[in-house]
PDB file of N, CA and C in Angstrom:
ATOM      1  N   MET A   1       6.394  -1.138 -21.748  1.00  0.00           N
ATOM      2  CA  MET A   1       5.011  -1.393 -21.948  1.00  0.00           C
ATOM      3  C   MET A   1       4.320  -0.109 -22.308  1.00  0.00           C
ATOM      4  N   THR A   2       3.540  -0.050 -23.339  1.00  0.00           N
ATOM      5  CA  THR A   2       2.889   1.120 -23.782  1.00  0.00           C
ATOM      6  C   THR A   2       1.380   1.024 -23.536  1.00  0.00           C
ATOM      7  N   ALA A   3       0.708   2.187 -23.535  1.00  0.00           N
ATOM      8  CA  ALA A   3      -0.699   2.226 -23.246  1.00  0.00           C
ATOM      9  C   ALA A   3      -1.488   1.772 -24.457  1.00  0.00           C
ATOM     10  N   ALA A   4      -2.570   1.041 -24.199  1.00  0.00           N
ATOM     11  CA  ALA A   4      -3.484   0.659 -25.271  1.00  0.00           C
ATOM     12  C   ALA A   4      -4.290   1.899 -25.698  1.00  0.00           C
ATOM     13  N   PRO A   5      -4.908   1.861 -26.876  1.00  0.00           N
ATOM     14  CA  PRO A   5      -5.658   3.047 -27.349  1.00  0.00           C
ATOM     15  C   PRO A   5      -6.744   3.483 -26.403  1.00  0.00           C
ATOM     16  N   HIS A   6      -7.329   2.589 -25.680  1.00  0.00           N
ATOM     17  CA  HIS A   6      -8.392   2.987 -24.714  1.00  0.00           C
ATOM     18  C   HIS A   6      -7.791   3.649 -23.507  1.00  0.00           C
ATOM     19  N   ASP A   7      -6.511   3.624 -23.308  1.00  0.00           N
ATOM     20  CA  ASP A   7      -5.851   4.302 -22.154  1.00  0.00           C
ATOM     21  C   ASP A   7      -5.395   5.692 -22.427  1.00  0.00           C
ATOM     22  N   VAL A   8      -5.731   6.231 -23.595  1.00  0.00           N
ATOM     23  CA  VAL A   8      -5.273   7.564 -24.004  1.00  0.00           C
ATOM     24  C   VAL A   8      -5.650   8.657 -22.956  1.00  0.00           C
ATOM     25  N   PRO A   9      -6.913   8.658 -22.453  1.00  0.00           N
ATOM     26  CA  PRO A   9      -7.258   9.651 -21.410  1.00  0.00           C
ATOM     27  C   PRO A   9      -6.394   9.494 -20.164  1.00  0.00           C
ATOM     28  N   ALA A  10      -6.126   8.256 -19.734  1.00  0.00           N
ATOM     29  CA  ALA A  10      -5.297   8.052 -18.573  1.00  0.00           C
ATOM     30  C   ALA A  10      -3.891   8.546 -18.847  1.00  0.00           C
ATOM     31  N   LEU A  11      -3.367   8.244 -19.989  1.00  0.00           N
ATOM     32  CA  LEU A  11      -2.028   8.698 -20.338  1.00  0.00           C
ATOM     33  C   LEU A  11      -1.963  10.264 -20.370  1.00  0.00           C
ATOM     34  N   ALA A  12      -2.965  10.863 -20.886  1.00  0.00           N
ATOM     35  CA  ALA A  12      -3.033  12.350 -20.933  1.00  0.00           C
ATOM     36  C   ALA A  12      -3.050  12.920 -19.494  1.00  0.00           C
ATOM     37  N   ALA A  13      -3.877  12.320 -18.647  1.00  0.00           N
ATOM     38  CA  ALA A  13      -3.934  12.787 -17.277  1.00  0.00           C
ATOM     39  C   ALA A  13      -2.586  12.572 -16.545  1.00  0.00           C
ATOM     40  N   ARG A  14      -1.971  11.439 -16.787  1.00  0.00           N
ATOM     41  CA  ARG A  14      -0.707  11.158 -16.190  1.00  0.00           C
ATOM     42  C   ARG A  14       0.395  12.094 -16.687  1.00  0.00           C
ATOM     43  N   THR A  15       0.394  12.416 -17.958  1.00  0.00           N
ATOM     44  CA  THR A  15       1.373  13.325 -18.511  1.00  0.00           C
ATOM     45  C   THR A  15       1.223  14.701 -17.884  1.00  0.00           C
ATOM     46  N   ALA A  16      -0.002  15.124 -17.509  1.00  0.00           N
ATOM     47  CA  ALA A  16      -0.188  16.437 -16.951  1.00  0.00           C
ATOM     48  C   ALA A  16       0.281  16.514 -15.521  1.00  0.00           C
ATOM     49  N   LEU A  17       0.538  15.446 -14.861  1.00  0.00           N
ATOM     50  CA  LEU A  17       0.995  15.486 -13.465  1.00  0.00           C
ATOM     51  C   LEU A  17       2.465  15.829 -13.366  1.00  0.00           C
ATOM     52  N   THR A  18       2.806  16.571 -12.319  1.00  0.00           N
ATOM     53  CA  THR A  18       4.216  16.814 -12.014  1.00  0.00           C
ATOM     54  C   THR A  18       4.547  16.005 -10.810  1.00  0.00           C
ATOM     55  N   LEU A  19       5.341  14.980 -10.921  1.00  0.00           N
ATOM     56  CA  LEU A  19       5.689  14.144  -9.792  1.00  0.00           C
ATOM     57  C   LEU A  19       7.027  14.626  -9.227  1.00  0.00           C
ATOM     58  N   PRO A  20       7.027  14.922  -7.898  1.00  0.00           N
ATOM     59  CA  PRO A  20       8.285  15.382  -7.310  1.00  0.00           C
ATOM     60  C   PRO A  20       9.357  14.336  -7.225  1.00  0.00           C
ATOM     61  N   TYR A  21       8.961  13.087  -7.057  1.00  0.00           N
ATOM     62  CA  TYR A  21       9.919  12.001  -6.859  1.00  0.00           C
ATOM     63  C   TYR A  21       9.655  10.917  -7.899  1.00  0.00           C
ATOM     64  N   THR A  22      10.597  10.599  -8.720  1.00  0.00           N
ATOM     65  CA  THR A  22      10.403   9.471  -9.650  1.00  0.00           C
ATOM     66  C   THR A  22      11.384   8.354  -9.303  1.00  0.00           C
ATOM     67  N   HIS A  23      12.453   8.616  -8.653  1.00  0.00           N
ATOM     68  CA  HIS A  23      13.412   7.620  -8.252  1.00  0.00           C
ATOM     69  C   HIS A  23      13.796   7.831  -6.824  1.00  0.00           C
ATOM     70  N   VAL A  24      13.236   7.100  -5.895  1.00  0.00           N
ATOM     71  CA  VAL A  24      13.474   7.213  -4.467  1.00  0.00           C
ATOM     72  C   VAL A  24      14.620   6.357  -4.138  1.00  0.00           C
ATOM     73  N   ASP A  25      15.584   6.904  -3.324  1.00  0.00           N
ATOM     74  CA  ASP A  25      16.769   6.177  -2.959  1.00  0.00           C
ATOM     75  C   ASP A  25      16.708   5.568  -1.554  1.00  0.00           C
ATOM     76  N   ASP A  26      15.762   5.902  -0.725  1.00  0.00           N
ATOM     77  CA  ASP A  26      15.685   5.411   0.612  1.00  0.00           C
ATOM     78  C   ASP A  26      14.341   4.726   0.871  1.00  0.00           C
ATOM     79  N   ILE A  27      14.211   4.041   2.024  1.00  0.00           N
ATOM     80  CA  ILE A  27      12.991   3.407   2.442  1.00  0.00           C
ATOM     81  C   ILE A  27      12.527   4.074   3.757  1.00  0.00           C
ATOM     82  N   PHE A  28      11.228   4.077   4.036  1.00  0.00           N
ATOM     83  CA  PHE A  28      10.690   4.747   5.217  1.00  0.00           C
ATOM     84  C   PHE A  28      10.462   3.704   6.244  1.00  0.00           C
ATOM     85  N   VAL A  29      11.256   3.741   7.326  1.00  0.00           N
ATOM     86  CA  VAL A  29      11.106   2.773   8.433  1.00  0.00           C
ATOM     87  C   VAL A  29      11.190   3.507   9.764  1.00  0.00           C
ATOM     88  N   ASP A  30      10.277   3.237  10.637  1.00  0.00           N
ATOM     89  CA  ASP A  30      10.263   3.769  11.997  1.00  0.00           C
ATOM     90  C   ASP A  30      10.287   5.310  12.014  1.00  0.00           C
ATOM     91  N   GLY A  31       9.540   5.890  11.081  1.00  0.00           N
ATOM     92  CA  GLY A  31       9.371   7.361  11.033  1.00  0.00           C
ATOM     93  C   GLY A  31      10.546   8.104  10.410  1.00  0.00           C
ATOM     94  N   ALA A  32      11.405   7.411   9.693  1.00  0.00           N
ATOM     95  CA  ALA A  32      12.546   8.059   9.095  1.00  0.00           C
ATOM     96  C   ALA A  32      12.912   7.443   7.765  1.00  0.00           C
ATOM     97  N   TRP A  33      13.456   8.238   6.857  1.00  0.00           N
ATOM     98  CA  TRP A  33      13.979   7.684   5.612  1.00  0.00           C
ATOM     99  C   TRP A  33      15.423   7.183   5.840  1.00  0.00           C
ATOM    100  N   ILE A  34      15.596   5.921   5.539  1.00  0.00           N
ATOM    101  CA  ILE A  34      16.924   5.292   5.755  1.00  0.00           C
ATOM    102  C   ILE A  34      17.371   4.646   4.390  1.00  0.00           C
ATOM    103  N   PRO A  35      18.669   4.500   4.194  1.00  0.00           N
ATOM    104  CA  PRO A  35      19.139   3.831   2.979  1.00  0.00           C
ATOM    105  C   PRO A  35      18.736   2.348   2.998  1.00  0.00           C
ATOM    106  N   ALA A  36      18.210   1.842   1.860  1.00  0.00           N
ATOM    107  CA  ALA A  36      17.957   0.435   1.724  1.00  0.00           C
ATOM    108  C   ALA A  36      19.270  -0.342   1.682  1.00  0.00           C
ATOM    109  N   ARG A  37      19.225  -1.564   2.201  1.00  0.00           N
ATOM    110  CA  ARG A  37      20.460  -2.360   2.182  1.00  0.00           C
ATOM    111  C   ARG A  37      20.694  -3.068   0.824  1.00  0.00           C
ATOM    112  N   GLY A  38      19.608  -3.180   0.065  1.00  0.00           N
ATOM    113  CA  GLY A  38      19.727  -3.843  -1.241  1.00  0.00           C
ATOM    114  C   GLY A  38      20.431  -2.957  -2.218  1.00  0.00           C
ATOM    115  N   THR A  39      20.925  -3.536  -3.309  1.00  0.00           N
ATOM    116  CA  THR A  39      21.586  -2.728  -4.334  1.00  0.00           C
ATOM    117  C   THR A  39      20.802  -2.624  -5.599  1.00  0.00           C
ATOM    118  N   GLY A  40      19.746  -3.375  -5.717  1.00  0.00           N
ATOM    119  CA  GLY A  40      18.948  -3.345  -6.979  1.00  0.00           C
ATOM    120  C   GLY A  40      17.830  -2.286  -6.922  1.00  0.00           C
ATOM    121  N   ARG A  41      17.093  -2.205  -7.972  1.00  0.00           N
ATOM    122  CA  ARG A  41      16.018  -1.233  -8.088  1.00  0.00           C
ATOM    123  C   ARG A  41      14.762  -1.996  -8.618  1.00  0.00           C
ATOM    124  N   ASN A  42      13.582  -1.547  -8.211  1.00  0.00           N
ATOM    125  CA  ASN A  42      12.331  -2.065  -8.737  1.00  0.00           C
ATOM    126  C   ASN A  42      11.565  -0.956  -9.443  1.00  0.00           C
ATOM    127  N   PRO A  43      11.080  -1.281 -10.676  1.00  0.00           N
ATOM    128  CA  PRO A  43      10.343  -0.263 -11.410  1.00  0.00           C
ATOM    129  C   PRO A  43       8.972   0.029 -10.755  1.00  0.00           C
ATOM    130  N   VAL A  44       8.480   1.265 -10.948  1.00  0.00           N
ATOM    131  CA  VAL A  44       7.190   1.651 -10.486  1.00  0.00           C
ATOM    132  C   VAL A  44       6.364   1.880 -11.746  1.00  0.00           C
ATOM    133  N   THR A  45       5.311   1.136 -11.884  1.00  0.00           N
ATOM    134  CA  THR A  45       4.480   1.161 -13.124  1.00  0.00           C
ATOM    135  C   THR A  45       3.118   1.782 -12.814  1.00  0.00           C
ATOM    136  N   ASP A  46       2.717   2.729 -13.648  1.00  0.00           N
ATOM    137  CA  ASP A  46       1.424   3.349 -13.583  1.00  0.00           C
ATOM    138  C   ASP A  46       0.359   2.290 -14.014  1.00  0.00           C
ATOM    139  N   PRO A  47      -0.563   1.886 -13.156  1.00  0.00           N
ATOM    140  CA  PRO A  47      -1.449   0.834 -13.492  1.00  0.00           C
ATOM    141  C   PRO A  47      -2.467   1.258 -14.579  1.00  0.00           C
ATOM    142  N   ALA A  48      -2.662   2.565 -14.696  1.00  0.00           N
ATOM    143  CA  ALA A  48      -3.641   3.061 -15.683  1.00  0.00           C
ATOM    144  C   ALA A  48      -3.107   3.049 -17.139  1.00  0.00           C
ATOM    145  N   THR A  49      -1.747   3.172 -17.172  1.00  0.00           N
ATOM    146  CA  THR A  49      -1.152   3.318 -18.535  1.00  0.00           C
ATOM    147  C   THR A  49      -0.166   2.211 -18.841  1.00  0.00           C
ATOM    148  N   GLY A  50       0.305   1.505 -17.826  1.00  0.00           N
ATOM    149  CA  GLY A  50       1.367   0.503 -18.015  1.00  0.00           C
ATOM    150  C   GLY A  50       2.732   1.094 -18.204  1.00  0.00           C
ATOM    151  N   GLU A  51       2.856   2.395 -18.071  1.00  0.00           N
ATOM    152  CA  GLU A  51       4.137   3.095 -18.274  1.00  0.00           C
ATOM    153  C   GLU A  51       4.976   3.062 -16.979  1.00  0.00           C
ATOM    154  N   VAL A  52       6.216   2.684 -17.109  1.00  0.00           N
ATOM    155  CA  VAL A  52       7.166   2.771 -16.010  1.00  0.00           C
ATOM    156  C   VAL A  52       7.553   4.212 -15.850  1.00  0.00           C
ATOM    157  N   TRP A  53       7.350   4.779 -14.618  1.00  0.00           N
ATOM    158  CA  TRP A  53       7.658   6.193 -14.489  1.00  0.00           C
ATOM    159  C   TRP A  53       8.602   6.480 -13.348  1.00  0.00           C
ATOM    160  N   GLY A  54       9.093   5.406 -12.704  1.00  0.00           N
ATOM    161  CA  GLY A  54      10.037   5.673 -11.627  1.00  0.00           C
ATOM    162  C   GLY A  54      10.599   4.342 -11.125  1.00  0.00           C
ATOM    163  N   SER A  55      11.321   4.434  -9.960  1.00  0.00           N
ATOM    164  CA  SER A  55      11.860   3.218  -9.381  1.00  0.00           C
ATOM    165  C   SER A  55      12.029   3.421  -7.877  1.00  0.00           C
ATOM    166  N   VAL A  56      12.118   2.271  -7.200  1.00  0.00           N
ATOM    167  CA  VAL A  56      12.346   2.273  -5.751  1.00  0.00           C
ATOM    168  C   VAL A  56      13.493   1.319  -5.422  1.00  0.00           C
ATOM    169  N   PRO A  57      14.104   1.483  -4.314  1.00  0.00           N
ATOM    170  CA  PRO A  57      15.211   0.540  -3.972  1.00  0.00           C
ATOM    171  C   PRO A  57      14.703  -0.861  -3.675  1.00  0.00           C
ATOM    172  N   ASP A  58      15.524  -1.824  -3.953  1.00  0.00           N
ATOM    173  CA  ASP A  58      15.234  -3.183  -3.665  1.00  0.00           C
ATOM    174  C   ASP A  58      15.686  -3.470  -2.231  1.00  0.00           C
ATOM    175  N   GLY A  59      14.706  -3.669  -1.349  1.00  0.00           N
ATOM    176  CA  GLY A  59      14.995  -3.948   0.026  1.00  0.00           C
ATOM    177  C   GLY A  59      15.446  -5.378   0.271  1.00  0.00           C
ATOM    178  N   THR A  60      16.073  -5.643   1.368  1.00  0.00           N
ATOM    179  CA  THR A  60      16.522  -6.967   1.725  1.00  0.00           C
ATOM    180  C   THR A  60      15.656  -7.542   2.866  1.00  0.00           C
ATOM    181  N   LEU A  61      15.903  -8.769   3.244  1.00  0.00           N
ATOM    182  CA  LEU A  61      15.208  -9.337   4.366  1.00  0.00           C
ATOM    183  C   LEU A  61      15.484  -8.556   5.686  1.00  0.00           C
ATOM    184  N   ASP A  62      16.719  -7.999   5.780  1.00  0.00           N
ATOM    185  CA  ASP A  62      17.045  -7.146   6.964  1.00  0.00           C
ATOM    186  C   ASP A  62      16.174  -5.907   6.927  1.00  0.00           C
ATOM    187  N   ASP A  63      15.909  -5.323   5.749  1.00  0.00           N
ATOM    188  CA  ASP A  63      15.035  -4.155   5.677  1.00  0.00           C
ATOM    189  C   ASP A  63      13.629  -4.514   6.147  1.00  0.00           C
ATOM    190  N   VAL A  64      13.155  -5.666   5.714  1.00  0.00           N
ATOM    191  CA  VAL A  64      11.803  -6.136   6.083  1.00  0.00           C
ATOM    192  C   VAL A  64      11.781  -6.323   7.593  1.00  0.00           C
ATOM    193  N   ASP A  65      12.783  -7.007   8.150  1.00  0.00           N
ATOM    194  CA  ASP A  65      12.812  -7.245   9.590  1.00  0.00           C
ATOM    195  C   ASP A  65      12.801  -5.919  10.369  1.00  0.00           C
ATOM    196  N   ALA A  66      13.530  -4.916   9.912  1.00  0.00           N
ATOM    197  CA  ALA A  66      13.576  -3.616  10.593  1.00  0.00           C
ATOM    198  C   ALA A  66      12.219  -2.959  10.530  1.00  0.00           C
ATOM    199  N   ALA A  67      11.488  -3.044   9.384  1.00  0.00           N
ATOM    200  CA  ALA A  67      10.173  -2.437   9.254  1.00  0.00           C
ATOM    201  C   ALA A  67       9.148  -3.208  10.123  1.00  0.00           C
ATOM    202  N   VAL A  68       9.223  -4.517  10.174  1.00  0.00           N
ATOM    203  CA  VAL A  68       8.300  -5.279  11.025  1.00  0.00           C
ATOM    204  C   VAL A  68       8.554  -4.990  12.479  1.00  0.00           C
ATOM    205  N   ALA A  69       9.820  -4.920  12.890  1.00  0.00           N
ATOM    206  CA  ALA A  69      10.110  -4.595  14.279  1.00  0.00           C
ATOM    207  C   ALA A  69       9.621  -3.194  14.688  1.00  0.00           C
ATOM    208  N   ALA A  70       9.795  -2.240  13.766  1.00  0.00           N
ATOM    209  CA  ALA A  70       9.280  -0.896  14.036  1.00  0.00           C
ATOM    210  C   ALA A  70       7.707  -0.937  14.173  1.00  0.00           C
ATOM    211  N   ALA A  71       7.098  -1.621  13.303  1.00  0.00           N
ATOM    212  CA  ALA A  71       5.656  -1.705  13.357  1.00  0.00           C
ATOM    213  C   ALA A  71       5.184  -2.374  14.627  1.00  0.00           C
ATOM    214  N   ARG A  72       5.865  -3.427  15.043  1.00  0.00           N
ATOM    215  CA  ARG A  72       5.503  -4.127  16.307  1.00  0.00           C
ATOM    216  C   ARG A  72       5.692  -3.208  17.508  1.00  0.00           C
ATOM    217  N   THR A  73       6.752  -2.454  17.514  1.00  0.00           N
ATOM    218  CA  THR A  73       7.032  -1.561  18.589  1.00  0.00           C
ATOM    219  C   THR A  73       5.937  -0.458  18.673  1.00  0.00           C
ATOM    220  N   ALA A  74       5.554   0.025  17.515  1.00  0.00           N
ATOM    221  CA  ALA A  74       4.482   1.041  17.476  1.00  0.00           C
ATOM    222  C   ALA A  74       3.166   0.462  17.943  1.00  0.00           C
ATOM    223  N   PHE A  75       2.848  -0.718  17.475  1.00  0.00           N
ATOM    224  CA  PHE A  75       1.633  -1.401  17.859  1.00  0.00           C
ATOM    225  C   PHE A  75       1.590  -1.610  19.360  1.00  0.00           C
ATOM    226  N   ASP A  76       2.673  -2.140  19.924  1.00  0.00           N
ATOM    227  CA  ASP A  76       2.712  -2.411  21.367  1.00  0.00           C
ATOM    228  C   ASP A  76       2.621  -1.115  22.165  1.00  0.00           C
ATOM    229  N   ALA A  77       3.235  -0.050  21.704  1.00  0.00           N
ATOM    230  CA  ALA A  77       3.170   1.219  22.402  1.00  0.00           C
ATOM    231  C   ALA A  77       1.782   1.827  22.399  1.00  0.00           C
ATOM    232  N   ALA A  78       0.991   1.506  21.373  1.00  0.00           N
ATOM    233  CA  ALA A  78      -0.358   2.041  21.272  1.00  0.00           C
ATOM    234  C   ALA A  78      -1.383   1.196  22.010  1.00  0.00           C
ATOM    235  N   ARG A  79      -0.974   0.032  22.461  1.00  0.00           N
ATOM    236  CA  ARG A  79      -1.904  -0.898  23.109  1.00  0.00           C
ATOM    237  C   ARG A  79      -2.524  -0.221  24.294  1.00  0.00           C
ATOM    238  N   GLY A  80      -3.826  -0.309  24.458  1.00  0.00           N
ATOM    239  CA  GLY A  80      -4.559   0.287  25.536  1.00  0.00           C
ATOM    240  C   GLY A  80      -4.878   1.772  25.277  1.00  0.00           C
ATOM    241  N   ARG A  81      -4.502   2.275  24.120  1.00  0.00           N
ATOM    242  CA  ARG A  81      -4.865   3.665  23.835  1.00  0.00           C
ATOM    243  C   ARG A  81      -5.746   3.671  22.551  1.00  0.00           C
ATOM    244  N   GLY A  82      -6.976   3.225  22.705  1.00  0.00           N
ATOM    245  CA  GLY A  82      -7.898   3.351  21.622  1.00  0.00           C
ATOM    246  C   GLY A  82      -8.012   2.118  20.741  1.00  0.00           C
ATOM    247  N   TRP A  83      -7.174   1.080  20.976  1.00  0.00           N
ATOM    248  CA  TRP A  83      -7.270  -0.158  20.236  1.00  0.00           C
ATOM    249  C   TRP A  83      -8.287  -1.035  20.960  1.00  0.00           C
ATOM    250  N   SER A  84      -9.457  -1.124  20.386  1.00  0.00           N
ATOM    251  CA  SER A  84     -10.437  -1.998  20.985  1.00  0.00           C
ATOM    252  C   SER A  84     -11.308  -2.599  19.967  1.00  0.00           C
ATOM    253  N   ARG A  85     -11.962  -3.688  20.311  1.00  0.00           N
ATOM    254  CA  ARG A  85     -12.902  -4.346  19.375  1.00  0.00           C
ATOM    255  C   ARG A  85     -14.257  -3.656  19.524  1.00  0.00           C
ATOM    256  N   PRO A  86     -14.942  -3.460  18.448  1.00  0.00           N
ATOM    257  CA  PRO A  86     -16.267  -2.876  18.500  1.00  0.00           C
ATOM    258  C   PRO A  86     -17.256  -3.777  19.263  1.00  0.00           C
ATOM    259  N   SER A  87     -18.175  -3.161  19.975  1.00  0.00           N
ATOM    260  CA  SER A  87     -19.151  -4.000  20.708  1.00  0.00           C
ATOM    261  C   SER A  87     -20.340  -4.237  19.771  1.00  0.00           C
ATOM    262  N   GLY A  88     -21.145  -5.248  20.137  1.00  0.00           N
ATOM    263  CA  GLY A  88     -22.305  -5.539  19.332  1.00  0.00           C
ATOM    264  C   GLY A  88     -21.988  -6.605  18.300  1.00  0.00           C
ATOM    265  N   PRO A  89     -23.002  -6.862  17.512  1.00  0.00           N
ATOM    266  CA  PRO A  89     -22.771  -7.991  16.542  1.00  0.00           C
ATOM    267  C   PRO A  89     -21.825  -7.566  15.430  1.00  0.00           C
ATOM    268  N   PRO A  90     -21.274  -8.524  14.709  1.00  0.00           N
ATOM    269  CA  PRO A  90     -20.383  -8.170  13.612  1.00  0.00           C
ATOM    270  C   PRO A  90     -21.082  -7.231  12.620  1.00  0.00           C
ATOM    271  N   ILE A  91     -20.256  -6.565  11.852  1.00  0.00           N
ATOM    272  CA  ILE A  91     -20.817  -5.596  10.898  1.00  0.00           C
ATOM    273  C   ILE A  91     -21.775  -6.288   9.887  1.00  0.00           C
ATOM    274  N   CYS A  92     -21.427  -7.473   9.473  1.00  0.00           N
ATOM    275  CA  CYS A  92     -22.271  -8.157   8.532  1.00  0.00           C
ATOM    276  C   CYS A  92     -22.246  -9.655   8.919  1.00  0.00           C
ATOM    277  N   CYS A  93     -23.484 -10.160   9.250  1.00  0.00           N
ATOM    278  CA  CYS A  93     -23.510 -11.549   9.768  1.00  0.00           C
ATOM    279  C   CYS A  93     -23.849 -12.551   8.721  1.00  0.00           C
ATOM    280  N   ALA A  94     -24.371 -12.144   7.562  1.00  0.00           N
ATOM    281  CA  ALA A  94     -24.717 -13.114   6.514  1.00  0.00           C
ATOM    282  C   ALA A  94     -23.576 -13.392   5.619  1.00  0.00           C
ATOM    283  N   SER A  95     -23.423 -14.626   5.295  1.00  0.00           N
ATOM    284  CA  SER A  95     -22.347 -15.021   4.378  1.00  0.00           C
ATOM    285  C   SER A  95     -22.947 -15.015   2.959  1.00  0.00           C
ATOM    286  N   PRO A  96     -22.283 -14.383   2.002  1.00  0.00           N
ATOM    287  CA  PRO A  96     -22.786 -14.393   0.662  1.00  0.00           C
ATOM    288  C   PRO A  96     -22.885 -15.802   0.055  1.00  0.00           C
ATOM    289  N   ARG A  97     -22.102 -16.740   0.550  1.00  0.00           N
ATOM    290  CA  ARG A  97     -22.157 -18.081   0.103  1.00  0.00           C
ATOM    291  C   ARG A  97     -23.409 -18.817   0.559  1.00  0.00           C
ATOM    292  N   LYS A  98     -23.937 -18.394   1.689  1.00  0.00           N
ATOM    293  CA  LYS A  98     -25.092 -19.120   2.255  1.00  0.00           C
ATOM    294  C   LYS A  98     -26.398 -18.497   1.811  1.00  0.00           C
ATOM    295  N   SER A  99     -26.416 -17.213   1.557  1.00  0.00           N
ATOM    296  CA  SER A  99     -27.690 -16.558   1.270  1.00  0.00           C
ATOM    297  C   SER A  99     -27.467 -15.440   0.195  1.00  0.00           C
ATOM    298  N   ARG A 100     -28.336 -15.352  -0.695  1.00  0.00           N
ATOM    299  CA  ARG A 100     -28.323 -14.283  -1.695  1.00  0.00           C
ATOM    300  C   ARG A 100     -29.205 -13.112  -1.274  1.00  0.00           C
ATOM    301  N   SER A 101     -29.956 -13.278  -0.170  1.00  0.00           N
ATOM    302  CA  SER A 101     -30.839 -12.235   0.314  1.00  0.00           C
ATOM    303  C   SER A 101     -30.003 -11.178   1.074  1.00  0.00           C
ATOM    304  N   ALA A 102     -30.664 -10.075   1.350  1.00  0.00           N
ATOM    305  CA  ALA A 102     -29.988  -8.967   2.112  1.00  0.00           C
ATOM    306  C   ALA A 102     -29.474  -9.468   3.434  1.00  0.00           C
ATOM    307  N   PRO A 103     -28.291  -9.046   3.805  1.00  0.00           N
ATOM    308  CA  PRO A 103     -27.748  -9.475   5.111  1.00  0.00           C
ATOM    309  C   PRO A 103     -28.593  -8.955   6.282  1.00  0.00           C
ATOM    310  N   ARG A 104     -28.672  -9.772   7.301  1.00  0.00           N
ATOM    311  CA  ARG A 104     -29.367  -9.377   8.522  1.00  0.00           C
ATOM    312  C   ARG A 104     -28.427  -9.018   9.617  1.00  0.00           C
ATOM    313  N   ASN A 105     -28.912  -8.251  10.576  1.00  0.00           N
ATOM    314  CA  ASN A 105     -28.140  -7.892  11.729  1.00  0.00           C
ATOM    315  C   ASN A 105     -26.881  -7.119  11.353  1.00  0.00           C
ATOM    316  N   CYS A 106     -26.983  -6.283  10.368  1.00  0.00           N
ATOM    317  CA  CYS A 106     -25.843  -5.482   9.972  1.00  0.00           C
ATOM    318  C   CYS A 106     -25.982  -4.054  10.501  1.00  0.00           C
ATOM    319  N   ARG A 107     -24.835  -3.446  10.772  1.00  0.00           N
ATOM    320  CA  ARG A 107     -24.905  -2.035  11.132  1.00  0.00           C
ATOM    321  C   ARG A 107     -24.199  -1.207  10.144  1.00  0.00           C
TER     322      ARG A 107
END
């Protein structure tokens, strides 16, 4: 995929960048880089230019399960240490579908 003419500034900015990693071979799970179990690759595309500039490993369901388990463990370990619901009314009480006026009771 190539950049459209209106993307020329984005392409120039992208070209000026020096990216240290364009093809990552591992996935980050539980605070460490580990090999992905999948054998395929997924392209990484620059949304500003449409240019493919790198790739990442294709993870498997086992990779997802490991990442979710690590996230659950971290969440459970942090329970009671700063995880709390804010007090007071919700940040914005007016629904845009019900009223086009300025929201009330917002902080």
